[in-house]
C-alpha atoms as a PDB file:
ATOM      1  CA  UNK A   1     -86.189-183.526 287.481  1.00  0.00           C
ATOM      2  CA  UNK A   2     -85.519-186.186 284.313  1.00  0.00           C
ATOM      3  CA  UNK A   3     -82.653-185.711 282.324  1.00  0.00           C
ATOM      4  CA  UNK A   4     -81.854-186.983 279.068  1.00  0.00           C
ATOM      5  CA  UNK A   5     -79.695-189.982 279.171  1.00  0.00           C
ATOM      6  CA  UNK A   6     -79.008-190.425 275.555  1.00  0.00           C
ATOM      7  CA  UNK A   7     -77.229-186.777 275.709  1.00  0.00           C
ATOM      8  CA  UNK A   8     -75.594-187.436 278.617  1.00  0.00           C
ATOM      9  CA  UNK A   9     -73.715-190.466 277.588  1.00  0.00           C
ATOM     10  CA  UNK A  10     -73.050-188.749 274.552  1.00  0.00           C
ATOM     11  CA  UNK A  11     -71.112-185.938 276.738  1.00  0.00           C
ATOM     12  CA  UNK A  12     -69.848-188.418 279.113  1.00  0.00           C
ATOM     13  CA  UNK A  13     -67.804-190.038 275.748  1.00  0.00           C
ATOM     14  CA  UNK A  14     -66.529-186.797 274.758  1.00  0.00           C
ATOM     15  CA  UNK A  15     -65.429-185.608 278.566  1.00  0.00           C
ATOM     16  CA  UNK A  16     -63.687-188.939 278.852  1.00  0.00           C
ATOM     17  CA  UNK A  17     -61.929-188.301 275.452  1.00  0.00           C
ATOM     18  CA  UNK A  18     -60.995-185.173 276.567  1.00  0.00           C
ATOM     19  CA  UNK A  19     -59.885-186.367 280.132  1.00  0.00           C
ATOM     20  CA  UNK A  20     -57.740-189.018 278.569  1.00  0.00           C
ATOM     21  CA  UNK A  21     -55.832-186.246 276.134  1.00  0.00           C
ATOM     22  CA  UNK A  22     -55.017-184.017 279.287  1.00  0.00           C
ATOM     23  CA  UNK A  23     -54.085-186.885 280.913  1.00  0.00           C
ATOM     24  CA  UNK A  24     -51.457-187.949 278.314  1.00  0.00           C
ATOM     25  CA  UNK A  25     -50.155-184.339 278.430  1.00  0.00           C
ATOM     26  CA  UNK A  26     -49.812-184.244 282.123  1.00  0.00           C
ATOM     27  CA  UNK A  27     -47.920-187.628 282.044  1.00  0.00           C
ATOM     28  CA  UNK A  28     -45.256-186.623 279.388  1.00  0.00           C
ATOM     29  CA  UNK A  29     -45.712-182.524 279.215  1.00  0.00           C
ATOM     30  CA  UNK A  30     -41.992-182.443 277.567  1.00  0.00           C
ATOM     31  CA  UNK A  31     -40.384-179.897 279.378  1.00  0.00           C
ATOM     32  CA  UNK A  32     -39.679-179.323 282.978  1.00  0.00           C
ATOM     33  CA  UNK A  33     -42.099-178.278 285.276  1.00  0.00           C
ATOM     34  CA  UNK A  34     -42.317-175.037 286.518  1.00  0.00           C
ATOM     35  CA  UNK A  35     -43.728-174.703 290.028  1.00  0.00           C
ATOM     36  CA  UNK A  36     -45.402-171.621 291.620  1.00  0.00           C
ATOM     37  CA  UNK A  37     -46.893-170.859 294.909  1.00  0.00           C
ATOM     38  CA  UNK A  38     -50.455-169.557 295.238  1.00  0.00           C
ATOM     39  CA  UNK A  39     -51.972-169.070 298.793  1.00  0.00           C
ATOM     40  CA  UNK A  40     -49.090-170.923 300.794  1.00  0.00           C
ATOM     41  CA  UNK A  41     -46.150-173.048 300.277  1.00  0.00           C
ATOM     42  CA  UNK A  42     -48.054-176.415 299.572  1.00  0.00           C
ATOM     43  CA  UNK A  43     -50.720-174.789 297.577  1.00  0.00           C
ATOM     44  CA  UNK A  44     -48.546-175.005 294.201  1.00  0.00           C
ATOM     45  CA  UNK A  45     -49.301-174.964 290.476  1.00  0.00           C
ATOM     46  CA  UNK A  46     -47.560-175.539 287.540  1.00  0.00           C
ATOM     47  CA  UNK A  47     -47.753-174.907 283.750  1.00  0.00           C
ATOM     48  CA  UNK A  48     -48.826-178.078 283.246  1.00  0.00           C
ATOM     49  CA  UNK A  49     -52.086-177.661 285.457  1.00  0.00           C
ATOM     50  CA  UNK A  50     -52.808-174.644 283.115  1.00  0.00           C
ATOM     51  CA  UNK A  51     -52.077-176.411 279.761  1.00  0.00           C
ATOM     52  CA  UNK A  52     -54.412-179.113 280.557  1.00  0.00           C
ATOM     53  CA  UNK A  53     -57.047-176.647 281.518  1.00  0.00           C
ATOM     54  CA  UNK A  54     -56.422-175.118 278.513  1.00  0.00           C
ATOM     55  CA  UNK A  55     -56.398-178.086 276.035  1.00  0.00           C
ATOM     56  CA  UNK A  56     -59.499-179.355 277.986  1.00  0.00           C
ATOM     57  CA  UNK A  57     -61.432-175.341 277.591  1.00  0.00           C
ATOM     58  CA  UNK A  58     -60.664-175.760 273.566  1.00  0.00           C
ATOM     59  CA  UNK A  59     -61.875-179.371 273.253  1.00  0.00           C
ATOM     60  CA  UNK A  60     -65.072-178.626 275.432  1.00  0.00           C
ATOM     61  CA  UNK A  61     -65.748-175.521 273.614  1.00  0.00           C
ATOM     62  CA  UNK A  62     -68.023-176.877 270.987  1.00  0.00           C
ATOM     63  CA  UNK A  63     -70.813-177.935 273.269  1.00  0.00           C
ATOM     64  CA  UNK A  64     -71.467-174.507 274.093  1.00  0.00           C
ATOM     65  CA  UNK A  65     -71.362-174.879 277.999  1.00  0.00           C
ATOM     66  CA  UNK A  66     -69.302-172.416 279.993  1.00  0.00           C
ATOM     67  CA  UNK A  67     -66.195-174.224 281.805  1.00  0.00           C
ATOM     68  CA  UNK A  68     -65.351-173.281 285.602  1.00  0.00           C
ATOM     69  CA  UNK A  69     -62.057-174.538 286.483  1.00  0.00           C
ATOM     70  CA  UNK A  70     -59.150-174.324 289.018  1.00  0.00           C
ATOM     71  CA  UNK A  71     -57.069-172.423 287.331  1.00  0.00           C
ATOM     72  CA  UNK A  72     -58.708-169.342 285.852  1.00  0.00           C
ATOM     73  CA  UNK A  73     -62.091-170.232 283.638  1.00  0.00           C
ATOM     74  CA  UNK A  74     -65.137-168.867 285.155  1.00  0.00           C
ATOM     75  CA  UNK A  75     -68.850-168.875 284.069  1.00  0.00           C
ATOM     76  CA  UNK A  76     -71.297-165.918 284.473  1.00  0.00           C
ATOM     77  CA  UNK A  77     -73.568-168.015 286.819  1.00  0.00           C
ATOM     78  CA  UNK A  78     -74.181-171.727 287.164  1.00  0.00           C
ATOM     79  CA  UNK A  79     -77.402-171.335 285.215  1.00  0.00           C
ATOM     80  CA  UNK A  80     -77.994-174.627 283.207  1.00  0.00           C
ATOM     81  CA  UNK A  81     -75.278-176.322 281.999  1.00  0.00           C
ATOM     82  CA  UNK A  82     -71.586-175.718 283.454  1.00  0.00           C
ATOM     83  CA  UNK A  83     -68.356-178.040 283.136  1.00  0.00           C
ATOM     84  CA  UNK A  84     -65.939-177.901 286.026  1.00  0.00           C
ATOM     85  CA  UNK A  85     -62.586-178.694 285.906  1.00  0.00           C
ATOM     86  CA  UNK A  86     -59.657-179.689 288.393  1.00  0.00           C
ATOM     87  CA  UNK A  87     -57.056-179.779 285.959  1.00  0.00           C
ATOM     88  CA  UNK A  88     -54.832-181.776 287.879  1.00  0.00           C
ATOM     89  CA  UNK A  89     -56.114-182.457 291.464  1.00  0.00           C
ATOM     90  CA  UNK A  90     -53.473-183.202 293.801  1.00  0.00           C
ATOM     91  CA  UNK A  91     -51.102-180.848 292.356  1.00  0.00           C
ATOM     92  CA  UNK A  92     -48.153-181.577 295.290  1.00  0.00           C
ATOM     93  CA  UNK A  93     -48.498-185.051 294.605  1.00  0.00           C
ATOM     94  CA  UNK A  94     -47.770-184.669 291.092  1.00  0.00           C
ATOM     95  CA  UNK A  95     -44.675-182.573 291.578  1.00  0.00           C
ATOM     96  CA  UNK A  96     -43.441-184.452 294.617  1.00  0.00           C
ATOM     97  CA  UNK A  97     -44.357-187.986 294.419  1.00  0.00           C
ATOM     98  CA  UNK A  98     -45.447-188.382 290.987  1.00  0.00           C
ATOM     99  CA  UNK A  99     -48.555-190.393 291.833  1.00  0.00           C
ATOM    100  CA  UNK A 100     -52.083-189.760 293.828  1.00  0.00           C
ATOM    101  CA  UNK A 101     -53.085-187.111 291.307  1.00  0.00           C
ATOM    102  CA  UNK A 102     -56.306-186.841 289.265  1.00  0.00           C
ATOM    103  CA  UNK A 103     -57.896-184.976 286.506  1.00  0.00           C
ATOM    104  CA  UNK A 104     -61.406-184.508 287.279  1.00  0.00           C
ATOM    105  CA  UNK A 105     -64.447-183.141 285.067  1.00  0.00           C
ATOM    106  CA  UNK A 106     -67.823-183.038 285.939  1.00  0.00           C
ATOM    107  CA  UNK A 107     -71.085-181.914 284.063  1.00  0.00           C
ATOM    108  CA  UNK A 108     -73.276-179.595 286.549  1.00  0.00           C
ATOM    109  CA  UNK A 109     -76.975-179.040 285.357  1.00  0.00           C
ATOM    110  CA  UNK A 110     -78.502-176.429 287.386  1.00  0.00           C
ATOM    111  CA  UNK A 111     -76.545-176.776 290.467  1.00  0.00           C
ATOM    112  CA  UNK A 112     -76.746-180.805 290.131  1.00  0.00           C
ATOM    113  CA  UNK A 113     -73.875-183.384 289.028  1.00  0.00           C
ATOM    114  CA  UNK A 114     -75.578-184.850 285.832  1.00  0.00           C
ATOM    115  CA  UNK A 115     -72.094-186.381 284.441  1.00  0.00           C
ATOM    116  CA  UNK A 116     -68.820-186.831 285.570  1.00  0.00           C
ATOM    117  CA  UNK A 117     -65.081-188.235 285.237  1.00  0.00           C
ATOM    118  CA  UNK A 118     -62.639-188.974 287.895  1.00  0.00           C
ATOM    119  CA  UNK A 119     -58.934-190.209 286.130  1.00  0.00           C
ATOM    120  CA  UNK A 120     -55.945-191.934 287.859  1.00  0.00           C
ATOM    121  CA  UNK A 121     -53.721-191.508 285.063  1.00  0.00           C
ATOM    122  CA  UNK A 122     -50.519-193.112 287.057  1.00  0.00           C
ATOM    123  CA  UNK A 123     -52.903-196.083 287.644  1.00  0.00           C
ATOM    124  CA  UNK A 124     -54.227-196.123 284.317  1.00  0.00           C
ATOM    125  CA  UNK A 125     -58.078-195.951 285.689  1.00  0.00           C
ATOM    126  CA  UNK A 126     -60.994-193.672 285.245  1.00  0.00           C
ATOM    127  CA  UNK A 127     -63.833-193.493 287.267  1.00  0.00           C
ATOM    128  CA  UNK A 128     -67.354-192.462 285.605  1.00  0.00           C
ATOM    129  CA  UNK A 129     -71.029-191.697 286.014  1.00  0.00           C
ATOM    130  CA  UNK A 130     -74.235-190.387 284.794  1.00  0.00           C
ATOM    131  CA  UNK A 131     -76.984-189.447 286.948  1.00  0.00           C
ATOM    132  CA  UNK A 132     -79.469-192.331 287.417  1.00  0.00           C
ATOM    133  CA  UNK A 133     -77.335-194.569 285.578  1.00  0.00           C
ATOM    134  CA  UNK A 134     -74.789-195.739 287.940  1.00  0.00           C
ATOM    135  CA  UNK A 135     -70.791-195.348 287.575  1.00  0.00           C
ATOM    136  CA  UNK A 136     -68.126-197.666 286.036  1.00  0.00           C
ATOM    137  CA  UNK A 137     -64.482-198.151 286.469  1.00  0.00           C
ATOM    138  CA  UNK A 138     -62.139-198.458 283.151  1.00  0.00           C
ATOM    139  CA  UNK A 139     -58.958-198.480 281.910  1.00  0.00           C
ATOM    140  CA  UNK A 140     -57.916-195.209 280.862  1.00  0.00           C
ATOM    141  CA  UNK A 141     -55.804-195.773 278.380  1.00  0.00           C
ATOM    142  CA  UNK A 142     -57.485-198.469 276.299  1.00  0.00           C
ATOM    143  CA  UNK A 143     -60.490-197.099 274.891  1.00  0.00           C
ATOM    144  CA  UNK A 144     -62.064-200.460 273.820  1.00  0.00           C
ATOM    145  CA  UNK A 145     -62.361-201.242 277.602  1.00  0.00           C
ATOM    146  CA  UNK A 146     -65.768-201.122 278.366  1.00  0.00           C
ATOM    147  CA  UNK A 147     -65.065-201.698 282.398  1.00  0.00           C
ATOM    148  CA  UNK A 148     -66.930-202.906 285.288  1.00  0.00           C
ATOM    149  CA  UNK A 149     -69.849-201.337 287.147  1.00  0.00           C
ATOM    150  CA  UNK A 150     -69.154-200.052 290.232  1.00  0.00           C
ATOM    151  CA  UNK A 151     -71.529-202.124 293.191  1.00  0.00           C
ATOM    152  CA  UNK A 152     -73.677-200.075 295.637  1.00  0.00           C
ATOM    153  CA  UNK A 153     -71.925-199.629 298.738  1.00  0.00           C
ATOM    154  CA  UNK A 154     -71.858-201.779 301.377  1.00  0.00           C
ATOM    155  CA  UNK A 155     -73.295-200.541 304.634  1.00  0.00           C
ATOM    156  CA  UNK A 156     -70.575-200.600 306.729  1.00  0.00           C
ATOM    157  CA  UNK A 157     -70.654-198.920 310.283  1.00  0.00           C
ATOM    158  CA  UNK A 158     -68.180-196.082 311.083  1.00  0.00           C
ATOM    159  CA  UNK A 159     -66.257-198.682 313.470  1.00  0.00           C
ATOM    160  CA  UNK A 160     -65.890-200.882 310.604  1.00  0.00           C
ATOM    161  CA  UNK A 161     -64.011-198.720 308.037  1.00  0.00           C
ATOM    162  CA  UNK A 162     -61.467-196.236 307.205  1.00  0.00           C
ATOM    163  CA  UNK A 163     -61.830-192.660 307.733  1.00  0.00           C
ATOM    164  CA  UNK A 164     -60.002-189.854 305.279  1.00  0.00           C
ATOM    165  CA  UNK A 165     -59.198-187.007 307.016  1.00  0.00           C
ATOM    166  CA  UNK A 166     -56.355-184.278 306.743  1.00  0.00           C
ATOM    167  CA  UNK A 167     -54.192-182.928 309.287  1.00  0.00           C
ATOM    168  CA  UNK A 168     -56.108-179.154 308.966  1.00  0.00           C
ATOM    169  CA  UNK A 169     -59.314-181.222 309.816  1.00  0.00           C
ATOM    170  CA  UNK A 170     -58.059-182.832 312.916  1.00  0.00           C
ATOM    171  CA  UNK A 171     -56.919-179.146 313.876  1.00  0.00           C
ATOM    172  CA  UNK A 172     -60.063-177.788 313.232  1.00  0.00           C
ATOM    173  CA  UNK A 173     -62.570-180.294 314.391  1.00  0.00           C
ATOM    174  CA  UNK A 174     -60.936-181.143 317.621  1.00  0.00           C
ATOM    175  CA  UNK A 175     -62.905-184.398 318.206  1.00  0.00           C
ATOM    176  CA  UNK A 176     -62.476-185.740 315.336  1.00  0.00           C
ATOM    177  CA  UNK A 177     -59.099-187.532 316.287  1.00  0.00           C
ATOM    178  CA  UNK A 178     -61.325-189.025 319.188  1.00  0.00           C
ATOM    179  CA  UNK A 179     -63.957-190.429 316.609  1.00  0.00           C
ATOM    180  CA  UNK A 180     -61.571-191.970 313.982  1.00  0.00           C
ATOM    181  CA  UNK A 181     -59.568-193.630 317.194  1.00  0.00           C
ATOM    182  CA  UNK A 182     -62.554-196.219 317.162  1.00  0.00           C
ATOM    183  CA  UNK A 183     -62.709-196.798 313.692  1.00  0.00           C
ATOM    184  CA  UNK A 184     -60.456-198.673 311.461  1.00  0.00           C
ATOM    185  CA  UNK A 185     -57.858-195.873 310.786  1.00  0.00           C
ATOM    186  CA  UNK A 186     -57.098-193.112 309.630  1.00  0.00           C
ATOM    187  CA  UNK A 187     -55.917-192.410 305.392  1.00  0.00           C
ATOM    188  CA  UNK A 188     -54.771-189.215 303.313  1.00  0.00           C
ATOM    189  CA  UNK A 189     -54.220-189.068 299.524  1.00  0.00           C
ATOM    190  CA  UNK A 190     -53.991-185.190 299.013  1.00  0.00           C
ATOM    191  CA  UNK A 191     -56.192-185.289 296.359  1.00  0.00           C
ATOM    192  CA  UNK A 192     -60.008-185.032 296.985  1.00  0.00           C
ATOM    193  CA  UNK A 193     -61.208-186.636 293.732  1.00  0.00           C
ATOM    194  CA  UNK A 194     -59.104-189.817 294.093  1.00  0.00           C
ATOM    195  CA  UNK A 195     -60.476-189.734 298.031  1.00  0.00           C
ATOM    196  CA  UNK A 196     -63.950-189.825 296.648  1.00  0.00           C
ATOM    197  CA  UNK A 197     -63.275-192.588 294.497  1.00  0.00           C
ATOM    198  CA  UNK A 198     -62.021-194.262 297.492  1.00  0.00           C
ATOM    199  CA  UNK A 199     -65.348-193.761 299.115  1.00  0.00           C
ATOM    200  CA  UNK A 200     -67.718-194.519 295.950  1.00  0.00           C
ATOM    201  CA  UNK A 201     -66.079-198.233 295.247  1.00  0.00           C
ATOM    202  CA  UNK A 202     -66.608-198.685 298.865  1.00  0.00           C
ATOM    203  CA  UNK A 203     -62.790-198.537 300.151  1.00  0.00           C
ATOM    204  CA  UNK A 204     -63.556-195.683 302.960  1.00  0.00           C
ATOM    205  CA  UNK A 205     -66.322-196.118 305.292  1.00  0.00           C
ATOM    206  CA  UNK A 206     -66.175-192.168 305.728  1.00  0.00           C
ATOM    207  CA  UNK A 207     -64.549-189.261 304.710  1.00  0.00           C
ATOM    208  CA  UNK A 208     -64.109-185.640 306.069  1.00  0.00           C
ATOM    209  CA  UNK A 209     -63.180-182.090 304.618  1.00  0.00           C
ATOM    210  CA  UNK A 210     -63.273-179.126 306.138  1.00  0.00           C
ATOM    211  CA  UNK A 211     -62.967-176.990 303.227  1.00  0.00           C
ATOM    212  CA  UNK A 212     -63.286-177.810 299.295  1.00  0.00           C
ATOM    213  CA  UNK A 213     -64.015-176.031 296.094  1.00  0.00           C
ATOM    214  CA  UNK A 214     -66.368-176.974 293.290  1.00  0.00           C
ATOM    215  CA  UNK A 215     -63.738-178.412 291.148  1.00  0.00           C
ATOM    216  CA  UNK A 216     -62.840-180.392 293.951  1.00  0.00           C
ATOM    217  CA  UNK A 217     -66.037-182.556 294.455  1.00  0.00           C
ATOM    218  CA  UNK A 218     -68.295-181.989 291.590  1.00  0.00           C
ATOM    219  CA  UNK A 219     -67.059-185.357 289.532  1.00  0.00           C
ATOM    220  CA  UNK A 220     -66.687-187.228 292.782  1.00  0.00           C
ATOM    221  CA  UNK A 221     -69.860-186.223 294.182  1.00  0.00           C
ATOM    222  CA  UNK A 222     -71.582-187.936 291.170  1.00  0.00           C
ATOM    223  CA  UNK A 223     -69.650-190.954 291.465  1.00  0.00           C
ATOM    224  CA  UNK A 224     -70.764-191.054 295.071  1.00  0.00           C
ATOM    225  CA  UNK A 225     -74.390-190.789 294.810  1.00  0.00           C
ATOM    226  CA  UNK A 226     -74.528-193.309 291.975  1.00  0.00           C
ATOM    227  CA  UNK A 227     -72.984-195.892 294.552  1.00  0.00           C
ATOM    228  CA  UNK A 228     -75.051-195.125 297.234  1.00  0.00           C
ATOM    229  CA  UNK A 229     -72.640-192.901 299.808  1.00  0.00           C
ATOM    230  CA  UNK A 230     -74.410-189.798 301.615  1.00  0.00           C
ATOM    231  CA  UNK A 231     -73.048-186.608 301.143  1.00  0.00           C
ATOM    232  CA  UNK A 232     -73.579-183.646 303.239  1.00  0.00           C
ATOM    233  CA  UNK A 233     -71.823-180.777 304.922  1.00  0.00           C
ATOM    234  CA  UNK A 234     -70.231-181.401 308.086  1.00  0.00           C
ATOM    235  CA  UNK A 235     -73.370-179.828 309.895  1.00  0.00           C
ATOM    236  CA  UNK A 236     -75.336-182.080 307.820  1.00  0.00           C
ATOM    237  CA  UNK A 237     -76.626-179.284 305.572  1.00  0.00           C
ATOM    238  CA  UNK A 238     -77.363-180.145 302.035  1.00  0.00           C
ATOM    239  CA  UNK A 239     -73.978-180.401 299.596  1.00  0.00           C
ATOM    240  CA  UNK A 240     -74.166-177.979 297.199  1.00  0.00           C
ATOM    241  CA  UNK A 241     -71.339-178.457 294.795  1.00  0.00           C
ATOM    242  CA  UNK A 242     -71.890-174.907 293.603  1.00  0.00           C
ATOM    243  CA  UNK A 243     -70.304-173.679 296.456  1.00  0.00           C
ATOM    244  CA  UNK A 244     -67.232-174.293 298.242  1.00  0.00           C
ATOM    245  CA  UNK A 245     -67.155-175.761 301.753  1.00  0.00           C
ATOM    246  CA  UNK A 246     -67.142-178.798 304.167  1.00  0.00           C
ATOM    247  CA  UNK A 247     -67.962-182.022 303.072  1.00  0.00           C
ATOM    248  CA  UNK A 248     -68.768-185.297 304.898  1.00  0.00           C
ATOM    249  CA  UNK A 249     -68.942-188.422 302.926  1.00  0.00           C
ATOM    250  CA  UNK A 250     -69.564-191.801 304.001  1.00  0.00           C
ATOM    251  CA  UNK A 251     -72.094-195.199 304.026  1.00  0.00           C
ATOM    252  CA  UNK A 252     -75.594-194.301 305.553  1.00  0.00           C
ATOM    253  CA  UNK A 253     -74.505-196.051 308.547  1.00  0.00           C
ATOM    254  CA  UNK A 254     -71.052-194.490 309.185  1.00  0.00           C
ATOM    255  CA  UNK A 255     -72.098-190.848 307.877  1.00  0.00           C
ATOM    256  CA  UNK A 256     -75.223-190.774 309.880  1.00  0.00           C
ATOM    257  CA  UNK A 257     -72.974-191.870 313.312  1.00  0.00           C
ATOM    258  CA  UNK A 258     -70.157-189.414 311.948  1.00  0.00           C
ATOM    259  CA  UNK A 259     -72.826-186.746 311.599  1.00  0.00           C
ATOM    260  CA  UNK A 260     -74.149-187.737 315.109  1.00  0.00           C
ATOM    261  CA  UNK A 261     -70.634-187.172 316.686  1.00  0.00           C
ATOM    262  CA  UNK A 262     -69.678-184.289 315.156  1.00  0.00           C
ATOM    263  CA  UNK A 263     -72.734-182.039 315.835  1.00  0.00           C
ATOM    264  CA  UNK A 264     -73.707-183.487 319.458  1.00  0.00           C
ATOM    265  CA  UNK A 265     -73.024-180.833 322.202  1.00  0.00           C
END
């Protein structure tokens, strides 16, 4: 499918400005955090998550495309173009350690991410991509910074790369710990969008998640695709960012070996 790159570039510029405004709000909300739990004690939300989502929704409304957001915005369906937002990915990090959280915004067209922004406000970094045009990294709060293109990832074998995974993944996939034991080690950041950035930037050989939502992966999936990272479900099925589910990402060689070892009898 062909996409209008000039149209998408304009929409990416808009998305970047919106995310920048959301990041400023999240860094300085002007009030004490009010923390609520959702499904469990470590699944939390604050009034800032909701405020960032509301700000983004207002500023994107003029595009006419619906918004799917973690904190309540929903689209009637996924036909055509849909914005997908995680207003604060890694809310527990935002509350507890004050770093390793992100704002993730993607434009998805008929199920395929076509523009994406992942911002790391604490580190003043933002990663952007347009389908077919590569990915870039730049300063988030320096609007004049054109940044640098992210190179295609080196095809590092599984044994020579870092693996990103979580405790629940190790519990749900017992053989995963043994597989990771033969690599350069395990890392866990607590924000899926930033973990996908690590893969896209070539700093992780593989990433394993047993359950993620569309807003967790939509922008990061585009960054990964544009730098040559292979993305599937844990069973090798095609990744559809519109549906919740597992994720296996990695360099071509690392992904192939991880998939083989996860699915072998």
